[in-house]
């Protein structure tokens, strides 16, 4: 699979940033039980609640971007992988609720589908 220059580092940086934003409130709350740390952890947790939907949007844009820019060698297969990944997000969210599990399921299904389609 050949990505345009720089997109692989962009994906890694976005993933690392999202992971840090989601885990920092838990780390802050666990390490320092002082009232101000607890208040900061609650504020940070509320702030990152908005990150979930934006992370889902970011994953969608990163998946569709090569397709939209014409960088995919087999655009039909890429569109299938995006559609199957979105279906996995929808089904997981409907069955289990919550956005984190749905995002993980969608990313996993998208990656597996893309790998399987590229293998044949």
PDB file of N, CA and C in Angstrom:
ATOM      1  N   UNK A   1       0.845  -1.172   0.000  1.00  0.00           N
ATOM      2  CA  UNK A   1       0.000   0.000   0.000  1.00  0.00           C
ATOM      3  C   UNK A   1       0.892   1.237   0.000  1.00  0.00           C
ATOM      4  N   UNK A   2       0.638   2.129  -0.870  1.00  0.00           N
ATOM      5  CA  UNK A   2       1.466   3.323  -0.964  1.00  0.00           C
ATOM      6  C   UNK A   2       0.620   4.540  -0.633  1.00  0.00           C
ATOM      7  N   UNK A   3       1.005   5.246   0.412  1.00  0.00           N
ATOM      8  CA  UNK A   3       0.311   6.451   0.827  1.00  0.00           C
ATOM      9  C   UNK A   3       1.041   7.664   0.300  1.00  0.00           C
ATOM     10  N   UNK A   4       0.329   8.766   0.106  1.00  0.00           N
ATOM     11  CA  UNK A   4       1.007  10.002  -0.282  1.00  0.00           C
ATOM     12  C   UNK A   4       2.002  10.401   0.812  1.00  0.00           C
ATOM     13  N   UNK A   5       3.018  11.127   0.432  1.00  0.00           N
ATOM     14  CA  UNK A   5       4.057  11.530   1.387  1.00  0.00           C
ATOM     15  C   UNK A   5       3.450  12.236   2.584  1.00  0.00           C
ATOM     16  N   UNK A   6       3.877  11.804   3.767  1.00  0.00           N
ATOM     17  CA  UNK A   6       3.485  12.485   4.995  1.00  0.00           C
ATOM     18  C   UNK A   6       2.214  11.998   5.641  1.00  0.00           C
ATOM     19  N   UNK A   7       1.351  11.284   4.925  1.00  0.00           N
ATOM     20  CA  UNK A   7       0.073  10.927   5.523  1.00  0.00           C
ATOM     21  C   UNK A   7       0.234   9.872   6.608  1.00  0.00           C
ATOM     22  N   UNK A   8       1.238   8.999   6.489  1.00  0.00           N
ATOM     23  CA  UNK A   8       1.429   7.985   7.521  1.00  0.00           C
ATOM     24  C   UNK A   8       1.826   8.625   8.848  1.00  0.00           C
ATOM     25  N   UNK A   9       2.667   9.653   8.827  1.00  0.00           N
ATOM     26  CA  UNK A   9       3.036  10.355  10.056  1.00  0.00           C
ATOM     27  C   UNK A   9       1.856  11.148  10.584  1.00  0.00           C
ATOM     28  N   UNK A  10       1.028  11.666   9.700  1.00  0.00           N
ATOM     29  CA  UNK A  10      -0.160  12.397  10.132  1.00  0.00           C
ATOM     30  C   UNK A  10      -1.117  11.468  10.866  1.00  0.00           C
ATOM     31  N   UNK A  11      -1.324  10.287  10.333  1.00  0.00           N
ATOM     32  CA  UNK A  11      -2.208   9.314  10.970  1.00  0.00           C
ATOM     33  C   UNK A  11      -1.667   8.923  12.336  1.00  0.00           C
ATOM     34  N   UNK A  12      -0.361   8.658  12.421  1.00  0.00           N
ATOM     35  CA  UNK A  12       0.251   8.295  13.700  1.00  0.00           C
ATOM     36  C   UNK A  12       0.154   9.432  14.710  1.00  0.00           C
ATOM     37  N   UNK A  13       0.379  10.657  14.281  1.00  0.00           N
ATOM     38  CA  UNK A  13       0.298  11.800  15.188  1.00  0.00           C
ATOM     39  C   UNK A  13      -1.134  12.009  15.674  1.00  0.00           C
ATOM     40  N   UNK A  14      -2.111  11.870  14.787  1.00  0.00           N
ATOM     41  CA  UNK A  14      -3.518  12.009  15.187  1.00  0.00           C
ATOM     42  C   UNK A  14      -3.910  10.922  16.176  1.00  0.00           C
ATOM     43  N   UNK A  15      -3.477   9.707  15.925  1.00  0.00           N
ATOM     44  CA  UNK A  15      -3.790   8.611  16.843  1.00  0.00           C
ATOM     45  C   UNK A  15      -3.160   8.815  18.203  1.00  0.00           C
ATOM     46  N   UNK A  16      -1.904   9.224  18.230  1.00  0.00           N
ATOM     47  CA  UNK A  16      -1.217   9.462  19.508  1.00  0.00           C
ATOM     48  C   UNK A  16      -1.853  10.620  20.271  1.00  0.00           C
ATOM     49  N   UNK A  17      -2.200  11.677  19.558  1.00  0.00           N
ATOM     50  CA  UNK A  17      -2.849  12.820  20.208  1.00  0.00           C
ATOM     51  C   UNK A  17      -4.203  12.458  20.788  1.00  0.00           C
ATOM     52  N   UNK A  18      -4.975  11.691  20.053  1.00  0.00           N
ATOM     53  CA  UNK A  18      -6.282  11.266  20.545  1.00  0.00           C
ATOM     54  C   UNK A  18      -6.133  10.374  21.770  1.00  0.00           C
ATOM     55  N   UNK A  19      -5.177   9.462  21.734  1.00  0.00           N
ATOM     56  CA  UNK A  19      -4.937   8.589  22.881  1.00  0.00           C
ATOM     57  C   UNK A  19      -4.554   9.404  24.111  1.00  0.00           C
ATOM     58  N   UNK A  20      -3.661  10.379  23.947  1.00  0.00           N
ATOM     59  CA  UNK A  20      -3.269  11.214  25.085  1.00  0.00           C
ATOM     60  C   UNK A  20      -4.451  12.007  25.639  1.00  0.00           C
ATOM     61  N   UNK A  21      -5.242  12.588  24.756  1.00  0.00           N
ATOM     62  CA  UNK A  21      -6.392  13.365  25.220  1.00  0.00           C
ATOM     63  C   UNK A  21      -7.396  12.510  25.985  1.00  0.00           C
ATOM     64  N   UNK A  22      -7.516  11.264  25.622  1.00  0.00           N
ATOM     65  CA  UNK A  22      -8.480  10.393  26.291  1.00  0.00           C
ATOM     66  C   UNK A  22      -7.934   9.826  27.598  1.00  0.00           C
ATOM     67  N   UNK A  23      -6.625   9.676  27.739  1.00  0.00           N
ATOM     68  CA  UNK A  23      -6.076   9.038  28.939  1.00  0.00           C
ATOM     69  C   UNK A  23      -5.590  10.024  29.997  1.00  0.00           C
ATOM     70  N   UNK A  24      -5.265  11.242  29.633  1.00  0.00           N
ATOM     71  CA  UNK A  24      -4.753  12.201  30.612  1.00  0.00           C
ATOM     72  C   UNK A  24      -5.700  12.438  31.790  1.00  0.00           C
ATOM     73  N   UNK A  25      -7.019  12.549  31.609  1.00  0.00           N
ATOM     74  CA  UNK A  25      -7.888  12.743  32.779  1.00  0.00           C
ATOM     75  C   UNK A  25      -7.787  11.597  33.786  1.00  0.00           C
ATOM     76  N   UNK A  26      -7.687  10.379  33.297  1.00  0.00           N
ATOM     77  CA  UNK A  26      -7.588   9.231  34.192  1.00  0.00           C
ATOM     78  C   UNK A  26      -6.267   9.252  34.952  1.00  0.00           C
ATOM     79  N   UNK A  27      -5.198   9.589  34.273  1.00  0.00           N
ATOM     80  CA  UNK A  27      -3.881   9.650  34.914  1.00  0.00           C
ATOM     81  C   UNK A  27      -3.863  10.745  35.973  1.00  0.00           C
ATOM     82  N   UNK A  28      -4.405  11.922  35.657  1.00  0.00           N
ATOM     83  CA  UNK A  28      -4.420  13.037  36.607  1.00  0.00           C
ATOM     84  C   UNK A  28      -5.252  12.700  37.840  1.00  0.00           C
ATOM     85  N   UNK A  29      -6.370  12.055  37.652  1.00  0.00           N
ATOM     86  CA  UNK A  29      -7.243  11.733  38.774  1.00  0.00           C
ATOM     87  C   UNK A  29      -6.625  10.648  39.655  1.00  0.00           C
ATOM     88  N   UNK A  30      -5.954   9.695  39.077  1.00  0.00           N
ATOM     89  CA  UNK A  30      -5.392   8.581  39.840  1.00  0.00           C
ATOM     90  C   UNK A  30      -4.148   8.990  40.622  1.00  0.00           C
ATOM     91  N   UNK A  31      -3.346   9.870  40.086  1.00  0.00           N
ATOM     92  CA  UNK A  31      -2.072  10.214  40.715  1.00  0.00           C
ATOM     93  C   UNK A  31      -2.203  11.214  41.861  1.00  0.00           C
ATOM     94  N   UNK A  32      -3.156  12.108  41.790  1.00  0.00           N
ATOM     95  CA  UNK A  32      -3.230  13.155  42.806  1.00  0.00           C
ATOM     96  C   UNK A  32      -4.668  13.343  43.274  1.00  0.00           C
ATOM     97  N   UNK A  33      -4.995  12.824  44.457  1.00  0.00           N
ATOM     98  CA  UNK A  33      -6.368  12.927  44.938  1.00  0.00           C
ATOM     99  C   UNK A  33      -6.697  14.275  45.575  1.00  0.00           C
ATOM    100  N   UNK A  34      -5.856  15.296  45.389  1.00  0.00           N
ATOM    101  CA  UNK A  34      -6.145  16.601  45.971  1.00  0.00           C
ATOM    102  C   UNK A  34      -7.359  17.209  45.283  1.00  0.00           C
ATOM    103  N   UNK A  35      -8.067  18.104  45.990  1.00  0.00           N
ATOM    104  CA  UNK A  35      -9.294  18.678  45.405  1.00  0.00           C
ATOM    105  C   UNK A  35      -9.081  19.381  44.067  1.00  0.00           C
ATOM    106  N   UNK A  36      -7.969  20.137  43.950  1.00  0.00           N
ATOM    107  CA  UNK A  36      -7.781  20.843  42.679  1.00  0.00           C
ATOM    108  C   UNK A  36      -7.505  19.869  41.545  1.00  0.00           C
ATOM    109  N   UNK A  37      -6.816  18.754  41.825  1.00  0.00           N
ATOM    110  CA  UNK A  37      -6.555  17.760  40.780  1.00  0.00           C
ATOM    111  C   UNK A  37      -7.846  17.081  40.373  1.00  0.00           C
ATOM    112  N   UNK A  38      -8.708  16.824  41.346  1.00  0.00           N
ATOM    113  CA  UNK A  38      -9.998  16.215  41.044  1.00  0.00           C
ATOM    114  C   UNK A  38     -10.838  17.154  40.186  1.00  0.00           C
ATOM    115  N   UNK A  39     -10.803  18.441  40.530  1.00  0.00           N
ATOM    116  CA  UNK A  39     -11.535  19.432  39.744  1.00  0.00           C
ATOM    117  C   UNK A  39     -10.980  19.520  38.326  1.00  0.00           C
ATOM    118  N   UNK A  40      -9.659  19.503  38.219  1.00  0.00           N
ATOM    119  CA  UNK A  40      -9.014  19.543  36.908  1.00  0.00           C
ATOM    120  C   UNK A  40      -9.365  18.294  36.101  1.00  0.00           C
ATOM    121  N   UNK A  41      -9.377  17.144  36.754  1.00  0.00           N
ATOM    122  CA  UNK A  41      -9.716  15.902  36.062  1.00  0.00           C
ATOM    123  C   UNK A  41     -11.157  15.939  35.560  1.00  0.00           C
ATOM    124  N   UNK A  42     -12.072  16.479  36.374  1.00  0.00           N
ATOM    125  CA  UNK A  42     -13.474  16.589  35.926  1.00  0.00           C
ATOM    126  C   UNK A  42     -13.584  17.535  34.739  1.00  0.00           C
ATOM    127  N   UNK A  43     -12.873  18.673  34.802  1.00  0.00           N
ATOM    128  CA  UNK A  43     -12.905  19.619  33.684  1.00  0.00           C
ATOM    129  C   UNK A  43     -12.334  18.980  32.430  1.00  0.00           C
ATOM    130  N   UNK A  44     -11.195  18.304  32.580  1.00  0.00           N
ATOM    131  CA  UNK A  44     -10.547  17.677  31.438  1.00  0.00           C
ATOM    132  C   UNK A  44     -11.422  16.578  30.854  1.00  0.00           C
ATOM    133  N   UNK A  45     -12.093  15.822  31.724  1.00  0.00           N
ATOM    134  CA  UNK A  45     -12.980  14.760  31.258  1.00  0.00           C
ATOM    135  C   UNK A  45     -14.147  15.347  30.462  1.00  0.00           C
ATOM    136  N   UNK A  46     -14.711  16.437  30.966  1.00  0.00           N
ATOM    137  CA  UNK A  46     -15.803  17.089  30.234  1.00  0.00           C
ATOM    138  C   UNK A  46     -15.308  17.635  28.898  1.00  0.00           C
ATOM    139  N   UNK A  47     -14.098  18.185  28.900  1.00  0.00           N
ATOM    140  CA  UNK A  47     -13.527  18.716  27.666  1.00  0.00           C
ATOM    141  C   UNK A  47     -13.335  17.610  26.628  1.00  0.00           C
ATOM    142  N   UNK A  48     -12.814  16.474  27.088  1.00  0.00           N
ATOM    143  CA  UNK A  48     -12.533  15.396  26.143  1.00  0.00           C
ATOM    144  C   UNK A  48     -13.780  14.637  25.710  1.00  0.00           C
ATOM    145  N   UNK A  49     -14.899  14.862  26.371  1.00  0.00           N
ATOM    146  CA  UNK A  49     -16.146  14.243  25.927  1.00  0.00           C
ATOM    147  C   UNK A  49     -16.467  14.680  24.502  1.00  0.00           C
ATOM    148  N   UNK A  50     -16.121  15.895  24.174  1.00  0.00           N
ATOM    149  CA  UNK A  50     -16.339  16.394  22.815  1.00  0.00           C
ATOM    150  C   UNK A  50     -15.354  15.798  21.824  1.00  0.00           C
ATOM    151  N   UNK A  51     -14.263  15.239  22.300  1.00  0.00           N
ATOM    152  CA  UNK A  51     -13.245  14.688  21.418  1.00  0.00           C
ATOM    153  C   UNK A  51     -13.737  13.413  20.739  1.00  0.00           C
ATOM    154  N   UNK A  52     -14.585  12.626  21.412  1.00  0.00           N
ATOM    155  CA  UNK A  52     -15.058  11.361  20.852  1.00  0.00           C
ATOM    156  C   UNK A  52     -15.673  11.509  19.470  1.00  0.00           C
ATOM    157  N   UNK A  53     -16.723  12.338  19.329  1.00  0.00           N
ATOM    158  CA  UNK A  53     -17.301  12.522  17.996  1.00  0.00           C
ATOM    159  C   UNK A  53     -16.324  13.131  16.992  1.00  0.00           C
ATOM    160  N   UNK A  54     -15.468  14.024  17.448  1.00  0.00           N
ATOM    161  CA  UNK A  54     -14.509  14.610  16.501  1.00  0.00           C
ATOM    162  C   UNK A  54     -13.456  13.579  16.093  1.00  0.00           C
ATOM    163  N   UNK A  55     -13.114  12.665  16.987  1.00  0.00           N
ATOM    164  CA  UNK A  55     -12.181  11.602  16.618  1.00  0.00           C
ATOM    165  C   UNK A  55     -12.804  10.689  15.572  1.00  0.00           C
ATOM    166  N   UNK A  56     -14.079  10.415  15.712  1.00  0.00           N
ATOM    167  CA  UNK A  56     -14.781   9.602  14.713  1.00  0.00           C
ATOM    168  C   UNK A  56     -14.769  10.313  13.359  1.00  0.00           C
ATOM    169  N   UNK A  57     -15.031  11.599  13.372  1.00  0.00           N
ATOM    170  CA  UNK A  57     -14.975  12.372  12.133  1.00  0.00           C
ATOM    171  C   UNK A  57     -13.583  12.379  11.524  1.00  0.00           C
ATOM    172  N   UNK A  58     -12.561  12.464  12.370  1.00  0.00           N
ATOM    173  CA  UNK A  58     -11.183  12.443  11.889  1.00  0.00           C
ATOM    174  C   UNK A  58     -10.853  11.112  11.242  1.00  0.00           C
ATOM    175  N   UNK A  59     -11.257  10.011  11.874  1.00  0.00           N
ATOM    176  CA  UNK A  59     -11.029   8.691  11.281  1.00  0.00           C
ATOM    177  C   UNK A  59     -11.723   8.568   9.927  1.00  0.00           C
ATOM    178  N   UNK A  60     -12.926   9.109   9.828  1.00  0.00           N
ATOM    179  CA  UNK A  60     -13.650   9.062   8.558  1.00  0.00           C
ATOM    180  C   UNK A  60     -12.914   9.857   7.485  1.00  0.00           C
ATOM    181  N   UNK A  61     -12.463  11.054   7.826  1.00  0.00           N
ATOM    182  CA  UNK A  61     -11.753  11.884   6.848  1.00  0.00           C
ATOM    183  C   UNK A  61     -10.455  11.215   6.409  1.00  0.00           C
ATOM    184  N   UNK A  62      -9.705  10.652   7.359  1.00  0.00           N
ATOM    185  CA  UNK A  62      -8.451   9.993   7.018  1.00  0.00           C
ATOM    186  C   UNK A  62      -8.700   8.782   6.127  1.00  0.00           C
ATOM    187  N   UNK A  63      -9.819   8.093   6.327  1.00  0.00           N
ATOM    188  CA  UNK A  63     -10.139   6.928   5.492  1.00  0.00           C
ATOM    189  C   UNK A  63     -10.572   7.337   4.088  1.00  0.00           C
ATOM    190  N   UNK A  64     -11.317   8.405   3.992  1.00  0.00           N
ATOM    191  CA  UNK A  64     -11.895   8.808   2.708  1.00  0.00           C
ATOM    192  C   UNK A  64     -10.945   9.705   1.908  1.00  0.00           C
ATOM    193  N   UNK A  65     -10.024  10.374   2.586  1.00  0.00           N
ATOM    194  CA  UNK A  65      -9.160  11.350   1.913  1.00  0.00           C
ATOM    195  C   UNK A  65      -8.422  10.784   0.703  1.00  0.00           C
ATOM    196  N   UNK A  66      -7.728   9.647   0.810  1.00  0.00           N
ATOM    197  CA  UNK A  66      -7.046   9.130  -0.376  1.00  0.00           C
ATOM    198  C   UNK A  66      -8.016   8.797  -1.505  1.00  0.00           C
ATOM    199  N   UNK A  67      -9.192   8.352  -1.146  1.00  0.00           N
ATOM    200  CA  UNK A  67     -10.211   8.034  -2.142  1.00  0.00           C
ATOM    201  C   UNK A  67     -10.687   9.306  -2.853  1.00  0.00           C
ATOM    202  N   UNK A  68     -10.931  10.349  -2.079  1.00  0.00           N
ATOM    203  CA  UNK A  68     -11.418  11.611  -2.644  1.00  0.00           C
ATOM    204  C   UNK A  68     -10.357  12.313  -3.490  1.00  0.00           C
ATOM    205  N   UNK A  69      -9.090  12.147  -3.118  1.00  0.00           N
ATOM    206  CA  UNK A  69      -8.004  12.809  -3.847  1.00  0.00           C
ATOM    207  C   UNK A  69      -7.517  12.020  -5.047  1.00  0.00           C
ATOM    208  N   UNK A  70      -8.070  10.830  -5.256  1.00  0.00           N
ATOM    209  CA  UNK A  70      -7.674  10.029  -6.398  1.00  0.00           C
ATOM    210  C   UNK A  70      -6.375   9.280  -6.202  1.00  0.00           C
ATOM    211  N   UNK A  71      -5.958   9.084  -4.954  1.00  0.00           N
ATOM    212  CA  UNK A  71      -4.703   8.385  -4.678  1.00  0.00           C
ATOM    213  C   UNK A  71      -4.874   6.874  -4.577  1.00  0.00           C
ATOM    214  N   UNK A  72      -6.085   6.407  -4.585  1.00  0.00           N
ATOM    215  CA  UNK A  72      -6.333   4.968  -4.482  1.00  0.00           C
ATOM    216  C   UNK A  72      -6.188   4.330  -5.852  1.00  0.00           C
ATOM    217  N   UNK A  73      -5.471   3.212  -5.907  1.00  0.00           N
ATOM    218  CA  UNK A  73      -5.312   2.506  -7.178  1.00  0.00           C
ATOM    219  C   UNK A  73      -6.585   1.752  -7.541  1.00  0.00           C
ATOM    220  N   UNK A  74      -7.286   1.298  -6.517  1.00  0.00           N
ATOM    221  CA  UNK A  74      -8.551   0.589  -6.737  1.00  0.00           C
ATOM    222  C   UNK A  74      -9.647   1.279  -5.925  1.00  0.00           C
ATOM    223  N   UNK A  75     -10.225   2.363  -6.444  1.00  0.00           N
ATOM    224  CA  UNK A  75     -11.176   3.151  -5.658  1.00  0.00           C
ATOM    225  C   UNK A  75     -12.433   2.392  -5.259  1.00  0.00           C
ATOM    226  N   UNK A  76     -12.874   1.437  -6.076  1.00  0.00           N
ATOM    227  CA  UNK A  76     -14.070   0.675  -5.714  1.00  0.00           C
ATOM    228  C   UNK A  76     -13.840  -0.126  -4.438  1.00  0.00           C
ATOM    229  N   UNK A  77     -12.666  -0.739  -4.337  1.00  0.00           N
ATOM    230  CA  UNK A  77     -12.355  -1.524  -3.150  1.00  0.00           C
ATOM    231  C   UNK A  77     -12.183  -0.629  -1.929  1.00  0.00           C
ATOM    232  N   UNK A  78     -11.605   0.535  -2.109  1.00  0.00           N
ATOM    233  CA  UNK A  78     -11.449   1.470  -0.988  1.00  0.00           C
ATOM    234  C   UNK A  78     -12.812   1.939  -0.496  1.00  0.00           C
ATOM    235  N   UNK A  79     -13.726   2.196  -1.427  1.00  0.00           N
ATOM    236  CA  UNK A  79     -15.079   2.611  -1.047  1.00  0.00           C
ATOM    237  C   UNK A  79     -15.790   1.500  -0.287  1.00  0.00           C
ATOM    238  N   UNK A  80     -15.568   0.262  -0.680  1.00  0.00           N
ATOM    239  CA  UNK A  80     -16.160  -0.878   0.037  1.00  0.00           C
ATOM    240  C   UNK A  80     -15.610  -0.935   1.457  1.00  0.00           C
ATOM    241  N   UNK A  81     -14.309  -0.758   1.625  1.00  0.00           N
ATOM    242  CA  UNK A  81     -13.701  -0.796   2.958  1.00  0.00           C
ATOM    243  C   UNK A  81     -14.266   0.310   3.848  1.00  0.00           C
ATOM    244  N   UNK A  82     -14.436   1.521   3.301  1.00  0.00           N
ATOM    245  CA  UNK A  82     -15.010   2.621   4.074  1.00  0.00           C
ATOM    246  C   UNK A  82     -16.451   2.299   4.456  1.00  0.00           C
ATOM    247  N   UNK A  83     -17.226   1.793   3.509  1.00  0.00           N
ATOM    248  CA  UNK A  83     -18.632   1.471   3.784  1.00  0.00           C
ATOM    249  C   UNK A  83     -18.758   0.376   4.840  1.00  0.00           C
ATOM    250  N   UNK A  84     -17.924  -0.657   4.740  1.00  0.00           N
ATOM    251  CA  UNK A  84     -17.976  -1.749   5.717  1.00  0.00           C
ATOM    252  C   UNK A  84     -17.533  -1.245   7.091  1.00  0.00           C
ATOM    253  N   UNK A  85     -16.535  -0.384   7.135  1.00  0.00           N
ATOM    254  CA  UNK A  85     -16.099   0.201   8.405  1.00  0.00           C
ATOM    255  C   UNK A  85     -17.185   1.049   9.045  1.00  0.00           C
ATOM    256  N   UNK A  86     -17.864   1.866   8.244  1.00  0.00           N
ATOM    257  CA  UNK A  86     -18.968   2.671   8.766  1.00  0.00           C
ATOM    258  C   UNK A  86     -20.127   1.795   9.248  1.00  0.00           C
ATOM    259  N   UNK A  87     -20.394   0.735   8.518  1.00  0.00           N
ATOM    260  CA  UNK A  87     -21.434  -0.206   8.945  1.00  0.00           C
ATOM    261  C   UNK A  87     -21.065  -0.833  10.287  1.00  0.00           C
ATOM    262  N   UNK A  88     -19.809  -1.171  10.472  1.00  0.00           N
ATOM    263  CA  UNK A  88     -19.356  -1.742  11.741  1.00  0.00           C
ATOM    264  C   UNK A  88     -19.525  -0.741  12.884  1.00  0.00           C
ATOM    265  N   UNK A  89     -19.236   0.540  12.628  1.00  0.00           N
ATOM    266  CA  UNK A  89     -19.441   1.574  13.644  1.00  0.00           C
ATOM    267  C   UNK A  89     -20.917   1.640  14.015  1.00  0.00           C
ATOM    268  N   UNK A  90     -21.769   1.688  13.021  1.00  0.00           N
ATOM    269  CA  UNK A  90     -23.207   1.811  13.257  1.00  0.00           C
ATOM    270  C   UNK A  90     -23.756   0.607  14.021  1.00  0.00           C
ATOM    271  N   UNK A  91     -23.396  -0.604  13.590  1.00  0.00           N
ATOM    272  CA  UNK A  91     -23.901  -1.818  14.236  1.00  0.00           C
ATOM    273  C   UNK A  91     -23.390  -1.913  15.672  1.00  0.00           C
ATOM    274  N   UNK A  92     -22.108  -1.656  15.879  1.00  0.00           N
ATOM    275  CA  UNK A  92     -21.547  -1.746  17.221  1.00  0.00           C
ATOM    276  C   UNK A  92     -22.168  -0.714  18.146  1.00  0.00           C
ATOM    277  N   UNK A  93     -22.357   0.481  17.653  1.00  0.00           N
ATOM    278  CA  UNK A  93     -22.985   1.535  18.470  1.00  0.00           C
ATOM    279  C   UNK A  93     -24.426   1.169  18.807  1.00  0.00           C
ATOM    280  N   UNK A  94     -25.148   0.610  17.846  1.00  0.00           N
ATOM    281  CA  UNK A  94     -26.545   0.233  18.088  1.00  0.00           C
ATOM    282  C   UNK A  94     -26.649  -0.932  19.076  1.00  0.00           C
ATOM    283  N   UNK A  95     -25.725  -1.879  18.998  1.00  0.00           N
ATOM    284  CA  UNK A  95     -25.795  -3.071  19.851  1.00  0.00           C
ATOM    285  C   UNK A  95     -25.231  -2.837  21.249  1.00  0.00           C
ATOM    286  N   UNK A  96     -24.080  -2.144  21.328  1.00  0.00           N
ATOM    287  CA  UNK A  96     -23.404  -1.997  22.607  1.00  0.00           C
ATOM    288  C   UNK A  96     -23.532  -0.611  23.223  1.00  0.00           C
ATOM    289  N   UNK A  97     -23.846   0.378  22.398  1.00  0.00           N
ATOM    290  CA  UNK A  97     -23.851   1.749  22.888  1.00  0.00           C
ATOM    291  C   UNK A  97     -22.416   2.226  23.065  1.00  0.00           C
ATOM    292  N   UNK A  98     -22.247   3.478  23.295  1.00  0.00           N
ATOM    293  CA  UNK A  98     -20.904   4.017  23.488  1.00  0.00           C
ATOM    294  C   UNK A  98     -20.180   4.230  22.173  1.00  0.00           C
ATOM    295  N   UNK A  99     -19.322   5.197  22.190  1.00  0.00           N
ATOM    296  CA  UNK A  99     -18.625   5.568  20.964  1.00  0.00           C
ATOM    297  C   UNK A  99     -17.254   4.919  20.843  1.00  0.00           C
ATOM    298  N   UNK A 100     -16.611   4.647  21.963  1.00  0.00           N
ATOM    299  CA  UNK A 100     -15.247   4.110  21.910  1.00  0.00           C
ATOM    300  C   UNK A 100     -15.226   2.725  21.279  1.00  0.00           C
ATOM    301  N   UNK A 101     -16.091   1.837  21.747  1.00  0.00           N
ATOM    302  CA  UNK A 101     -16.142   0.489  21.174  1.00  0.00           C
ATOM    303  C   UNK A 101     -16.527   0.513  19.712  1.00  0.00           C
ATOM    304  N   UNK A 102     -17.444   1.404  19.366  1.00  0.00           N
ATOM    305  CA  UNK A 102     -17.871   1.517  17.968  1.00  0.00           C
ATOM    306  C   UNK A 102     -16.725   2.004  17.091  1.00  0.00           C
ATOM    307  N   UNK A 103     -15.946   2.968  17.586  1.00  0.00           N
ATOM    308  CA  UNK A 103     -14.808   3.464  16.813  1.00  0.00           C
ATOM    309  C   UNK A 103     -13.748   2.388  16.640  1.00  0.00           C
ATOM    310  N   UNK A 104     -13.465   1.663  17.712  1.00  0.00           N
ATOM    311  CA  UNK A 104     -12.469   0.589  17.610  1.00  0.00           C
ATOM    312  C   UNK A 104     -12.920  -0.499  16.646  1.00  0.00           C
ATOM    313  N   UNK A 105     -14.197  -0.872  16.728  1.00  0.00           N
ATOM    314  CA  UNK A 105     -14.721  -1.895  15.823  1.00  0.00           C
ATOM    315  C   UNK A 105     -14.659  -1.415  14.371  1.00  0.00           C
ATOM    316  N   UNK A 106     -15.052  -0.175  14.138  1.00  0.00           N
ATOM    317  CA  UNK A 106     -15.016   0.365  12.782  1.00  0.00           C
ATOM    318  C   UNK A 106     -13.611   0.430  12.218  1.00  0.00           C
ATOM    319  N   UNK A 107     -12.657   0.880  13.038  1.00  0.00           N
ATOM    320  CA  UNK A 107     -11.265   0.956  12.583  1.00  0.00           C
ATOM    321  C   UNK A 107     -10.711  -0.437  12.306  1.00  0.00           C
ATOM    322  N   UNK A 108     -11.029  -1.385  13.171  1.00  0.00           N
ATOM    323  CA  UNK A 108     -10.551  -2.756  12.983  1.00  0.00           C
ATOM    324  C   UNK A 108     -11.143  -3.375  11.719  1.00  0.00           C
ATOM    325  N   UNK A 109     -12.441  -3.234  11.542  1.00  0.00           N
ATOM    326  CA  UNK A 109     -13.099  -3.813  10.362  1.00  0.00           C
ATOM    327  C   UNK A 109     -12.608  -3.133   9.086  1.00  0.00           C
ATOM    328  N   UNK A 110     -12.428  -1.810   9.124  1.00  0.00           N
ATOM    329  CA  UNK A 110     -11.900  -1.094   7.959  1.00  0.00           C
ATOM    330  C   UNK A 110     -10.511  -1.619   7.594  1.00  0.00           C
ATOM    331  N   UNK A 111      -9.627  -1.730   8.597  1.00  0.00           N
ATOM    332  CA  UNK A 111      -8.273  -2.193   8.338  1.00  0.00           C
ATOM    333  C   UNK A 111      -8.223  -3.615   7.816  1.00  0.00           C
ATOM    334  N   UNK A 112      -9.012  -4.510   8.418  1.00  0.00           N
ATOM    335  CA  UNK A 112      -9.041  -5.905   7.970  1.00  0.00           C
ATOM    336  C   UNK A 112      -9.611  -5.993   6.557  1.00  0.00           C
ATOM    337  N   UNK A 113     -10.691  -5.261   6.292  1.00  0.00           N
ATOM    338  CA  UNK A 113     -11.293  -5.279   4.960  1.00  0.00           C
ATOM    339  C   UNK A 113     -10.312  -4.749   3.918  1.00  0.00           C
ATOM    340  N   UNK A 114      -9.633  -3.660   4.248  1.00  0.00           N
ATOM    341  CA  UNK A 114      -8.655  -3.087   3.311  1.00  0.00           C
ATOM    342  C   UNK A 114      -7.525  -4.072   3.054  1.00  0.00           C
ATOM    343  N   UNK A 115      -7.042  -4.732   4.102  1.00  0.00           N
ATOM    344  CA  UNK A 115      -5.956  -5.707   3.941  1.00  0.00           C
ATOM    345  C   UNK A 115      -6.412  -6.910   3.100  1.00  0.00           C
ATOM    346  N   UNK A 116      -7.605  -7.387   3.372  1.00  0.00           N
ATOM    347  CA  UNK A 116      -8.112  -8.524   2.603  1.00  0.00           C
ATOM    348  C   UNK A 116      -8.325  -8.181   1.131  1.00  0.00           C
ATOM    349  N   UNK A 117      -8.858  -6.987   0.872  1.00  0.00           N
ATOM    350  CA  UNK A 117      -9.077  -6.585  -0.516  1.00  0.00           C
ATOM    351  C   UNK A 117      -7.759  -6.355  -1.249  1.00  0.00           C
ATOM    352  N   UNK A 118      -6.751  -5.849  -0.541  1.00  0.00           N
ATOM    353  CA  UNK A 118      -5.449  -5.625  -1.165  1.00  0.00           C
ATOM    354  C   UNK A 118      -4.699  -6.926  -1.386  1.00  0.00           C
ATOM    355  N   UNK A 119      -5.046  -7.968  -0.624  1.00  0.00           N
ATOM    356  CA  UNK A 119      -4.365  -9.249  -0.752  1.00  0.00           C
ATOM    357  C   UNK A 119      -4.795  -9.989  -2.024  1.00  0.00           C
ATOM    358  N   UNK A 120      -5.968  -9.681  -2.523  1.00  0.00           N
ATOM    359  CA  UNK A 120      -6.474 -10.419  -3.711  1.00  0.00           C
ATOM    360  C   UNK A 120      -6.423  -9.576  -4.945  1.00  0.00           C
TER     361      UNK A 120
END
